[in-house]
Amino acid sequence: MNTPIEINTEGDRIVYVKAVDVADLPRELREQAGDLDQLYAVHDSDGQQLALVADRKLAFILAREHDFSPVAVH
């Protein structure tokens, strides 16, 4: 869950935060999730996943710390 990616710092500064069921993730990520049933994914406007974090609040904080405007996806 600590794989660095290159983030486009130009253009659209909106990211999307959505809940992800741990059961739907690959085995390696399920093992790293521990006892959590749900994680939160942060995606750019092209749909590329930028982060996967333990809770919604952390996802929004992470986005704002990187000068993105987070939007919840239901």
Foldseek 3Di string as FASTA:
>chain_A
DPDADDDDPDDAQEKEKEKDALVPDPPVSVVVLPPDGIWIWIADPVGDTHDIGRDDVVNCVVSVVVVGHYDYDD
